[in-house]
Amino acid sequence: MSLRLIKAVLAVWEREMYEYLINLHINALRLAIEPLLFIFIFGMGLGRRVVIGDVDYLYFLAPGILFMVVVNNSYMTISMRLMIARDWDKTLITALSAPVKPFEIILGYVLAGITQALAACTIFLVLMIYFLGIPFGSVSRVLLLIIATAAFFSSLGVMIAVVLDNPHHLMVITSIVVLPMSFFCGIFIPVSDLPGWSQPIIEAIPLTVAVESARAFALGSGNPGIWQSLAYIMAFTIAVFIAALYLFKRKLII
């Protein structure tokens, strides 16, 4: 990897992190409140009346909410930021005229999505482990899953933001594609409780693989095959990254 490529990627990353940090007080409040609402309402409220097998529902739910945090701070943040950079503050045009290559721009955005997801998940993990006493097993391996999943959803966010011209369309895609993932990928209920025809589809989604692997660590329920899970998620990530790069060049350059 050349020094020029590293500097270009870090320049894009630094720009996105600057926007993130100047609004850190708002971001920190949102990062703390959103996942805790799900934990308190579903985990502690409804969860007192629900048992998944022999597992307390709060313990079942927490790893799933962790990956909702990943999605919110990678896909949703990066897709909206890229649309703003392209259509409003024009920083994307500035980057392209620098010149910074499309690969470097996309990699910078993906790196920013991973960084922001890691920051949000660290806050969530600290609150869950040290204040509510919810175990997460091997935190280092869970962090690897977070990084891989954030890379996937950041790449997906770039791809969708490049294709769409209207921010309202982005909300529609989020509502019909990404939001259902949050509800059906084993976050709130086991995939085995879904209709039989849908289970192979749901189980093939990288978010499901990440949630179920992290839950296996948290509950100590067998060997989740961490390296197989990471390889599976990263294969999807590379495919989506390549698609995002192709669409970026086709839509914004050629």
C-alpha atoms as a PDB file:
ATOM      1  CA  MET A   1       0.000   0.000   0.000  1.00  0.00           C
ATOM      2  CA  SER A   2       1.552   3.295  -1.130  1.00  0.00           C
ATOM      3  CA  LEU A   3       2.027   6.305   1.120  1.00  0.00           C
ATOM      4  CA  ARG A   4      -0.071   8.427  -1.254  1.00  0.00           C
ATOM      5  CA  LEU A   5      -3.003   6.006  -0.983  1.00  0.00           C
ATOM      6  CA  ILE A   6      -2.788   6.006   2.824  1.00  0.00           C
ATOM      7  CA  LYS A   7      -2.726   9.815   2.931  1.00  0.00           C
ATOM      8  CA  ALA A   8      -5.687  10.076   0.547  1.00  0.00           C
ATOM      9  CA  VAL A   9      -7.787   7.563   2.493  1.00  0.00           C
ATOM     10  CA  LEU A  10      -6.949   9.236   5.805  1.00  0.00           C
ATOM     11  CA  ALA A  11      -7.845  12.652   4.362  1.00  0.00           C
ATOM     12  CA  VAL A  12     -11.346  11.414   3.497  1.00  0.00           C
ATOM     13  CA  TRP A  13     -11.605   9.649   6.862  1.00  0.00           C
ATOM     14  CA  GLU A  14     -10.445  12.781   8.712  1.00  0.00           C
ATOM     15  CA  ARG A  15     -13.041  14.916   6.948  1.00  0.00           C
ATOM     16  CA  GLU A  16     -15.861  12.581   7.933  1.00  0.00           C
ATOM     17  CA  MET A  17     -14.602  12.232  11.496  1.00  0.00           C
ATOM     18  CA  TYR A  18     -14.335  16.025  11.792  1.00  0.00           C
ATOM     19  CA  GLU A  19     -18.041  16.331  10.962  1.00  0.00           C
ATOM     20  CA  TYR A  20     -18.735  13.568  13.476  1.00  0.00           C
ATOM     21  CA  LEU A  21     -16.662  15.111  16.259  1.00  0.00           C
ATOM     22  CA  ILE A  22     -18.030  18.658  15.978  1.00  0.00           C
ATOM     23  CA  ASN A  23     -21.446  17.137  16.680  1.00  0.00           C
ATOM     24  CA  LEU A  24     -20.106  14.702  19.269  1.00  0.00           C
ATOM     25  CA  HIS A  25     -22.390  15.956  22.043  1.00  0.00           C
ATOM     26  CA  ILE A  26     -25.447  15.201  19.909  1.00  0.00           C
ATOM     27  CA  ASN A  27     -24.014  11.924  18.637  1.00  0.00           C
ATOM     28  CA  ALA A  28     -23.063  10.768  22.135  1.00  0.00           C
ATOM     29  CA  LEU A  29     -26.574  11.481  23.421  1.00  0.00           C
ATOM     30  CA  ARG A  30     -28.130   9.603  20.508  1.00  0.00           C
ATOM     31  CA  LEU A  31     -25.694   6.714  20.831  1.00  0.00           C
ATOM     32  CA  ALA A  32     -26.554   6.252  24.493  1.00  0.00           C
ATOM     33  CA  ILE A  33     -30.331   6.734  24.292  1.00  0.00           C
ATOM     34  CA  GLU A  34     -31.363   4.749  21.194  1.00  0.00           C
ATOM     35  CA  PRO A  35     -30.004   1.306  22.155  1.00  0.00           C
ATOM     36  CA  LEU A  36     -30.895   1.779  25.816  1.00  0.00           C
ATOM     37  CA  LEU A  37     -34.530   2.395  24.848  1.00  0.00           C
ATOM     38  CA  PHE A  38     -34.645  -1.038  23.206  1.00  0.00           C
ATOM     39  CA  ILE A  39     -32.916  -2.619  26.193  1.00  0.00           C
ATOM     40  CA  PHE A  40     -35.238  -1.063  28.768  1.00  0.00           C
ATOM     41  CA  ILE A  41     -38.511  -1.376  26.814  1.00  0.00           C
ATOM     42  CA  PHE A  42     -38.029  -4.783  25.228  1.00  0.00           C
ATOM     43  CA  GLY A  43     -35.335  -6.359  27.385  1.00  0.00           C
ATOM     44  CA  MET A  44     -36.404  -5.257  30.851  1.00  0.00           C
ATOM     45  CA  GLY A  45     -40.073  -4.523  30.204  1.00  0.00           C
ATOM     46  CA  LEU A  46     -41.361  -7.127  27.783  1.00  0.00           C
ATOM     47  CA  GLY A  47     -38.400  -9.368  28.590  1.00  0.00           C
ATOM     48  CA  ARG A  48     -39.687 -10.095  32.075  1.00  0.00           C
ATOM     49  CA  ARG A  49     -42.537 -12.009  30.425  1.00  0.00           C
ATOM     50  CA  VAL A  50     -40.432 -13.703  27.736  1.00  0.00           C
ATOM     51  CA  VAL A  51     -37.955 -16.570  27.932  1.00  0.00           C
ATOM     52  CA  ILE A  52     -36.072 -17.888  24.887  1.00  0.00           C
ATOM     53  CA  GLY A  53     -35.462 -21.529  25.718  1.00  0.00           C
ATOM     54  CA  ASP A  54     -33.769 -21.340  29.117  1.00  0.00           C
ATOM     55  CA  VAL A  55     -32.199 -17.910  28.440  1.00  0.00           C
ATOM     56  CA  ASP A  56     -33.343 -14.648  29.963  1.00  0.00           C
ATOM     57  CA  TYR A  57     -34.673 -12.473  27.114  1.00  0.00           C
ATOM     58  CA  LEU A  58     -32.483  -9.515  28.114  1.00  0.00           C
ATOM     59  CA  TYR A  59     -29.369 -11.635  27.652  1.00  0.00           C
ATOM     60  CA  PHE A  60     -30.709 -12.903  24.332  1.00  0.00           C
ATOM     61  CA  LEU A  61     -31.555  -9.393  23.136  1.00  0.00           C
ATOM     62  CA  ALA A  62     -28.379  -7.490  24.054  1.00  0.00           C
ATOM     63  CA  PRO A  63     -26.080  -8.944  21.331  1.00  0.00           C
ATOM     64  CA  GLY A  64     -28.764  -8.216  18.740  1.00  0.00           C
ATOM     65  CA  ILE A  65     -29.138  -4.601  19.839  1.00  0.00           C
ATOM     66  CA  LEU A  66     -25.357  -4.278  19.683  1.00  0.00           C
ATOM     67  CA  PHE A  67     -25.515  -4.974  15.946  1.00  0.00           C
ATOM     68  CA  MET A  68     -28.424  -2.591  15.487  1.00  0.00           C
ATOM     69  CA  VAL A  69     -25.976  -0.010  16.795  1.00  0.00           C
ATOM     70  CA  VAL A  70     -23.495  -1.166  14.139  1.00  0.00           C
ATOM     71  CA  VAL A  71     -26.053  -0.717  11.347  1.00  0.00           C
ATOM     72  CA  ASN A  72     -27.191   2.699  12.584  1.00  0.00           C
ATOM     73  CA  ASN A  73     -23.642   4.003  12.807  1.00  0.00           C
ATOM     74  CA  SER A  74     -22.308   2.574   9.563  1.00  0.00           C
ATOM     75  CA  TYR A  75     -24.980   2.246   6.888  1.00  0.00           C
ATOM     76  CA  MET A  76     -27.308   5.064   7.949  1.00  0.00           C
ATOM     77  CA  THR A  77     -24.586   7.550   8.831  1.00  0.00           C
ATOM     78  CA  ILE A  78     -22.371   6.926   5.811  1.00  0.00           C
ATOM     79  CA  SER A  79     -25.170   6.845   3.225  1.00  0.00           C
ATOM     80  CA  MET A  80     -26.543  10.196   4.412  1.00  0.00           C
ATOM     81  CA  ARG A  81     -23.092  11.776   4.749  1.00  0.00           C
ATOM     82  CA  LEU A  82     -22.154  10.756   1.212  1.00  0.00           C
ATOM     83  CA  MET A  83     -25.340  12.244  -0.218  1.00  0.00           C
ATOM     84  CA  ILE A  84     -24.646  15.479   1.666  1.00  0.00           C
ATOM     85  CA  ALA A  85     -21.055  15.545   0.399  1.00  0.00           C
ATOM     86  CA  ARG A  86     -22.238  15.028  -3.175  1.00  0.00           C
ATOM     87  CA  ASP A  87     -25.307  17.268  -3.333  1.00  0.00           C
ATOM     88  CA  TRP A  88     -25.013  19.955  -0.640  1.00  0.00           C
ATOM     89  CA  ASP A  89     -21.562  20.867   0.649  1.00  0.00           C
ATOM     90  CA  LYS A  90     -19.841  19.580  -2.550  1.00  0.00           C
ATOM     91  CA  THR A  91     -16.853  18.143  -0.673  1.00  0.00           C
ATOM     92  CA  LEU A  92     -17.041  15.078  -2.911  1.00  0.00           C
ATOM     93  CA  ILE A  93     -16.331  17.227  -5.961  1.00  0.00           C
ATOM     94  CA  THR A  94     -13.415  18.792  -4.100  1.00  0.00           C
ATOM     95  CA  ALA A  95     -12.016  15.350  -3.308  1.00  0.00           C
ATOM     96  CA  LEU A  96     -12.317  14.207  -6.914  1.00  0.00           C
ATOM     97  CA  SER A  97     -10.537  17.318  -8.184  1.00  0.00           C
ATOM     98  CA  ALA A  98      -7.672  16.920  -5.668  1.00  0.00           C
ATOM     99  CA  PRO A  99      -7.396  14.319  -7.247  1.00  0.00           C
ATOM    100  CA  VAL A 100      -8.354  11.499  -4.929  1.00  0.00           C
ATOM    101  CA  LYS A 101      -9.246   8.234  -6.631  1.00  0.00           C
ATOM    102  CA  PRO A 102     -12.728   6.692  -6.256  1.00  0.00           C
ATOM    103  CA  PHE A 103     -11.245   3.646  -4.502  1.00  0.00           C
ATOM    104  CA  GLU A 104      -9.597   5.920  -1.930  1.00  0.00           C
ATOM    105  CA  ILE A 105     -12.778   7.931  -1.368  1.00  0.00           C
ATOM    106  CA  ILE A 106     -14.906   4.841  -0.794  1.00  0.00           C
ATOM    107  CA  LEU A 107     -12.272   3.263   1.447  1.00  0.00           C
ATOM    108  CA  GLY A 108     -12.130   6.493   3.470  1.00  0.00           C
ATOM    109  CA  TYR A 109     -15.909   6.468   3.951  1.00  0.00           C
ATOM    110  CA  VAL A 110     -15.894   2.785   4.912  1.00  0.00           C
ATOM    111  CA  LEU A 111     -13.100   3.416   7.422  1.00  0.00           C
ATOM    112  CA  ALA A 112     -15.115   6.301   8.902  1.00  0.00           C
ATOM    113  CA  GLY A 113     -18.168   4.042   9.184  1.00  0.00           C
ATOM    114  CA  ILE A 114     -16.120   1.396  10.978  1.00  0.00           C
ATOM    115  CA  THR A 115     -14.634   3.992  13.364  1.00  0.00           C
ATOM    116  CA  GLN A 116     -18.015   5.472  14.235  1.00  0.00           C
ATOM    117  CA  ALA A 117     -19.577   2.042  14.712  1.00  0.00           C
ATOM    118  CA  LEU A 118     -16.715   1.005  17.000  1.00  0.00           C
ATOM    119  CA  ALA A 119     -17.132   4.186  19.079  1.00  0.00           C
ATOM    120  CA  ALA A 120     -20.867   3.613  19.453  1.00  0.00           C
ATOM    121  CA  CYS A 121     -20.481  -0.088  20.234  1.00  0.00           C
ATOM    122  CA  THR A 122     -17.800   0.616  22.839  1.00  0.00           C
ATOM    123  CA  ILE A 123     -20.223   2.904  24.684  1.00  0.00           C
ATOM    124  CA  PHE A 124     -22.942   0.263  24.455  1.00  0.00           C
ATOM    125  CA  LEU A 125     -20.678  -2.574  25.623  1.00  0.00           C
ATOM    126  CA  VAL A 126     -19.438  -0.550  28.611  1.00  0.00           C
ATOM    127  CA  LEU A 127     -23.020   0.214  29.650  1.00  0.00           C
ATOM    128  CA  MET A 128     -24.151  -3.391  29.213  1.00  0.00           C
ATOM    129  CA  ILE A 129     -21.176  -5.109  30.870  1.00  0.00           C
ATOM    130  CA  TYR A 130     -20.367  -2.760  33.733  1.00  0.00           C
ATOM    131  CA  PHE A 131     -23.768  -1.268  34.579  1.00  0.00           C
ATOM    132  CA  LEU A 132     -26.246  -4.016  33.717  1.00  0.00           C
ATOM    133  CA  GLY A 133     -23.939  -7.000  34.171  1.00  0.00           C
ATOM    134  CA  ILE A 134     -24.723  -8.535  30.765  1.00  0.00           C
ATOM    135  CA  PRO A 135     -21.867 -10.802  29.615  1.00  0.00           C
ATOM    136  CA  PHE A 136     -20.546 -10.699  26.062  1.00  0.00           C
ATOM    137  CA  GLY A 137     -18.002 -13.484  26.339  1.00  0.00           C
ATOM    138  CA  SER A 138     -14.915 -12.857  24.209  1.00  0.00           C
ATOM    139  CA  VAL A 139     -15.155  -9.092  23.650  1.00  0.00           C
ATOM    140  CA  SER A 140     -12.132  -9.079  21.336  1.00  0.00           C
ATOM    141  CA  ARG A 141     -13.846 -11.527  18.972  1.00  0.00           C
ATOM    142  CA  VAL A 142     -17.094  -9.600  19.167  1.00  0.00           C
ATOM    143  CA  LEU A 143     -15.140  -6.489  18.148  1.00  0.00           C
ATOM    144  CA  LEU A 144     -13.845  -8.330  15.080  1.00  0.00           C
ATOM    145  CA  LEU A 145     -17.445  -9.130  14.136  1.00  0.00           C
ATOM    146  CA  ILE A 146     -18.359  -5.469  14.665  1.00  0.00           C
ATOM    147  CA  ILE A 147     -15.551  -4.302  12.359  1.00  0.00           C
ATOM    148  CA  ALA A 148     -16.490  -6.784   9.603  1.00  0.00           C
ATOM    149  CA  THR A 149     -20.209  -5.977   9.843  1.00  0.00           C
ATOM    150  CA  ALA A 150     -19.570  -2.218   9.905  1.00  0.00           C
ATOM    151  CA  ALA A 151     -17.390  -2.570   6.789  1.00  0.00           C
ATOM    152  CA  PHE A 152     -20.221  -4.422   5.034  1.00  0.00           C
ATOM    153  CA  PHE A 153     -22.915  -1.891   5.914  1.00  0.00           C
ATOM    154  CA  SER A 154     -20.660   1.107   5.224  1.00  0.00           C
ATOM    155  CA  SER A 155     -19.958  -0.299   1.746  1.00  0.00           C
ATOM    156  CA  LEU A 156     -23.682  -0.915   1.287  1.00  0.00           C
ATOM    157  CA  GLY A 157     -24.382   2.669   2.382  1.00  0.00           C
ATOM    158  CA  VAL A 158     -21.928   4.019  -0.202  1.00  0.00           C
ATOM    159  CA  MET A 159     -23.407   1.856  -2.951  1.00  0.00           C
ATOM    160  CA  ILE A 160     -27.000   2.905  -2.265  1.00  0.00           C
ATOM    161  CA  ALA A 161     -26.152   6.591  -1.764  1.00  0.00           C
ATOM    162  CA  VAL A 162     -24.304   6.691  -5.097  1.00  0.00           C
ATOM    163  CA  VAL A 163     -27.246   5.170  -6.975  1.00  0.00           C
ATOM    164  CA  LEU A 164     -29.944   7.392  -5.466  1.00  0.00           C
ATOM    165  CA  ASP A 165     -30.397  11.081  -6.247  1.00  0.00           C
ATOM    166  CA  ASN A 166     -33.165  11.898  -3.797  1.00  0.00           C
ATOM    167  CA  PRO A 167     -32.663  11.659  -0.001  1.00  0.00           C
ATOM    168  CA  HIS A 168     -36.329  10.687   0.347  1.00  0.00           C
ATOM    169  CA  HIS A 169     -35.595   7.610  -1.759  1.00  0.00           C
ATOM    170  CA  LEU A 170     -32.819   6.753   0.683  1.00  0.00           C
ATOM    171  CA  MET A 171     -35.363   6.698   3.485  1.00  0.00           C
ATOM    172  CA  VAL A 172     -37.578   4.389   1.425  1.00  0.00           C
ATOM    173  CA  ILE A 173     -34.713   1.960   0.787  1.00  0.00           C
ATOM    174  CA  THR A 174     -33.835   2.077   4.468  1.00  0.00           C
ATOM    175  CA  SER A 175     -37.435   1.306   5.410  1.00  0.00           C
ATOM    176  CA  ILE A 176     -37.940  -1.609   3.018  1.00  0.00           C
ATOM    177  CA  VAL A 177     -34.463  -3.169   3.046  1.00  0.00           C
ATOM    178  CA  VAL A 178     -32.329  -2.224   6.047  1.00  0.00           C
ATOM    179  CA  LEU A 179     -35.008  -1.820   8.721  1.00  0.00           C
ATOM    180  CA  PRO A 180     -36.494  -5.292   8.114  1.00  0.00           C
ATOM    181  CA  MET A 181     -32.996  -6.737   8.563  1.00  0.00           C
ATOM    182  CA  SER A 182     -32.963  -5.201  12.039  1.00  0.00           C
ATOM    183  CA  PHE A 183     -36.148  -7.032  12.951  1.00  0.00           C
ATOM    184  CA  PHE A 184     -35.718 -10.372  11.205  1.00  0.00           C
ATOM    185  CA  CYS A 185     -31.983 -11.168  11.418  1.00  0.00           C
ATOM    186  CA  GLY A 186     -32.248 -12.869  14.787  1.00  0.00           C
ATOM    187  CA  ILE A 187     -32.113  -9.646  16.796  1.00  0.00           C
ATOM    188  CA  PHE A 188     -35.493  -9.824  18.540  1.00  0.00           C
ATOM    189  CA  ILE A 189     -36.528 -13.424  17.955  1.00  0.00           C
ATOM    190  CA  PRO A 190     -34.654 -16.596  16.953  1.00  0.00           C
ATOM    191  CA  VAL A 191     -34.455 -17.192  13.212  1.00  0.00           C
ATOM    192  CA  SER A 192     -35.828 -20.688  13.902  1.00  0.00           C
ATOM    193  CA  ASP A 193     -39.137 -19.084  14.959  1.00  0.00           C
ATOM    194  CA  LEU A 194     -39.629 -17.476  11.532  1.00  0.00           C
ATOM    195  CA  PRO A 195     -41.574 -19.199   8.722  1.00  0.00           C
ATOM    196  CA  GLY A 196     -39.636 -22.120   7.297  1.00  0.00           C
ATOM    197  CA  TRP A 197     -39.438 -20.723   3.758  1.00  0.00           C
ATOM    198  CA  SER A 198     -37.769 -17.520   5.007  1.00  0.00           C
ATOM    199  CA  GLN A 199     -35.135 -19.081   7.248  1.00  0.00           C
ATOM    200  CA  PRO A 200     -32.523 -19.919   4.531  1.00  0.00           C
ATOM    201  CA  ILE A 201     -32.811 -16.361   3.181  1.00  0.00           C
ATOM    202  CA  ILE A 202     -32.475 -14.748   6.615  1.00  0.00           C
ATOM    203  CA  GLU A 203     -29.598 -17.022   7.620  1.00  0.00           C
ATOM    204  CA  ALA A 204     -27.682 -16.021   4.463  1.00  0.00           C
ATOM    205  CA  ILE A 205     -27.665 -12.319   5.411  1.00  0.00           C
ATOM    206  CA  PRO A 206     -24.319 -11.237   6.957  1.00  0.00           C
ATOM    207  CA  LEU A 207     -26.109  -9.424   9.795  1.00  0.00           C
ATOM    208  CA  THR A 208     -27.678 -12.723  10.904  1.00  0.00           C
ATOM    209  CA  VAL A 209     -24.286 -14.428  10.904  1.00  0.00           C
ATOM    210  CA  ALA A 210     -22.791 -11.629  13.017  1.00  0.00           C
ATOM    211  CA  VAL A 211     -25.679 -11.559  15.514  1.00  0.00           C
ATOM    212  CA  GLU A 212     -25.777 -15.312  16.009  1.00  0.00           C
ATOM    213  CA  SER A 213     -21.988 -15.541  16.400  1.00  0.00           C
ATOM    214  CA  ALA A 214     -21.929 -12.722  18.962  1.00  0.00           C
ATOM    215  CA  ARG A 215     -24.863 -14.280  20.811  1.00  0.00           C
ATOM    216  CA  ALA A 216     -23.045 -17.613  20.965  1.00  0.00           C
ATOM    217  CA  PHE A 217     -20.112 -15.845  22.640  1.00  0.00           C
ATOM    218  CA  ALA A 218     -22.403 -13.966  25.042  1.00  0.00           C
ATOM    219  CA  LEU A 219     -24.418 -17.021  26.063  1.00  0.00           C
ATOM    220  CA  GLY A 220     -21.557 -19.515  25.890  1.00  0.00           C
ATOM    221  CA  SER A 221     -23.665 -21.707  23.629  1.00  0.00           C
ATOM    222  CA  GLY A 222     -21.068 -23.684  21.702  1.00  0.00           C
ATOM    223  CA  ASN A 223     -18.401 -22.705  19.202  1.00  0.00           C
ATOM    224  CA  PRO A 224     -19.749 -20.107  16.733  1.00  0.00           C
ATOM    225  CA  GLY A 225     -16.879 -20.602  14.261  1.00  0.00           C
ATOM    226  CA  ILE A 226     -15.573 -17.039  14.452  1.00  0.00           C
ATOM    227  CA  TRP A 227     -13.166 -17.282  11.515  1.00  0.00           C
ATOM    228  CA  GLN A 228     -15.753 -18.852   9.240  1.00  0.00           C
ATOM    229  CA  SER A 229     -18.224 -16.125  10.210  1.00  0.00           C
ATOM    230  CA  LEU A 230     -15.676 -13.378   9.582  1.00  0.00           C
ATOM    231  CA  ALA A 231     -14.702 -14.874   6.217  1.00  0.00           C
ATOM    232  CA  TYR A 232     -18.367 -15.081   5.204  1.00  0.00           C
ATOM    233  CA  ILE A 233     -19.093 -11.462   6.158  1.00  0.00           C
ATOM    234  CA  MET A 234     -15.902 -10.188   4.510  1.00  0.00           C
ATOM    235  CA  ALA A 235     -16.727 -12.030   1.264  1.00  0.00           C
ATOM    236  CA  PHE A 236     -20.002 -10.088   1.096  1.00  0.00           C
ATOM    237  CA  THR A 237     -18.183  -6.903   2.069  1.00  0.00           C
ATOM    238  CA  ILE A 238     -15.684  -7.224  -0.770  1.00  0.00           C
ATOM    239  CA  ALA A 239     -18.466  -7.930  -3.269  1.00  0.00           C
ATOM    240  CA  VAL A 240     -20.493  -4.894  -2.150  1.00  0.00           C
ATOM    241  CA  PHE A 241     -17.356  -2.694  -2.048  1.00  0.00           C
ATOM    242  CA  ILE A 242     -16.526  -3.641  -5.661  1.00  0.00           C
ATOM    243  CA  ALA A 243     -20.119  -2.933  -6.710  1.00  0.00           C
ATOM    244  CA  ALA A 244     -19.989   0.440  -4.930  1.00  0.00           C
ATOM    245  CA  LEU A 245     -16.727   1.295  -6.692  1.00  0.00           C
ATOM    246  CA  TYR A 246     -18.156   0.376 -10.104  1.00  0.00           C
ATOM    247  CA  LEU A 247     -21.328   2.408  -9.535  1.00  0.00           C
ATOM    248  CA  PHE A 248     -19.345   5.347  -8.144  1.00  0.00           C
ATOM    249  CA  LYS A 249     -17.250   5.520 -11.314  1.00  0.00           C
ATOM    250  CA  ARG A 250     -20.240   5.023 -13.593  1.00  0.00           C
ATOM    251  CA  LYS A 251     -22.508   7.557 -11.864  1.00  0.00           C
ATOM    252  CA  LEU A 252     -20.118  10.280 -10.762  1.00  0.00           C
ATOM    253  CA  ILE A 253     -17.160  10.150 -13.140  1.00  0.00           C
ATOM    254  CA  ILE A 254     -17.966   8.547 -16.488  1.00  0.00           C
END
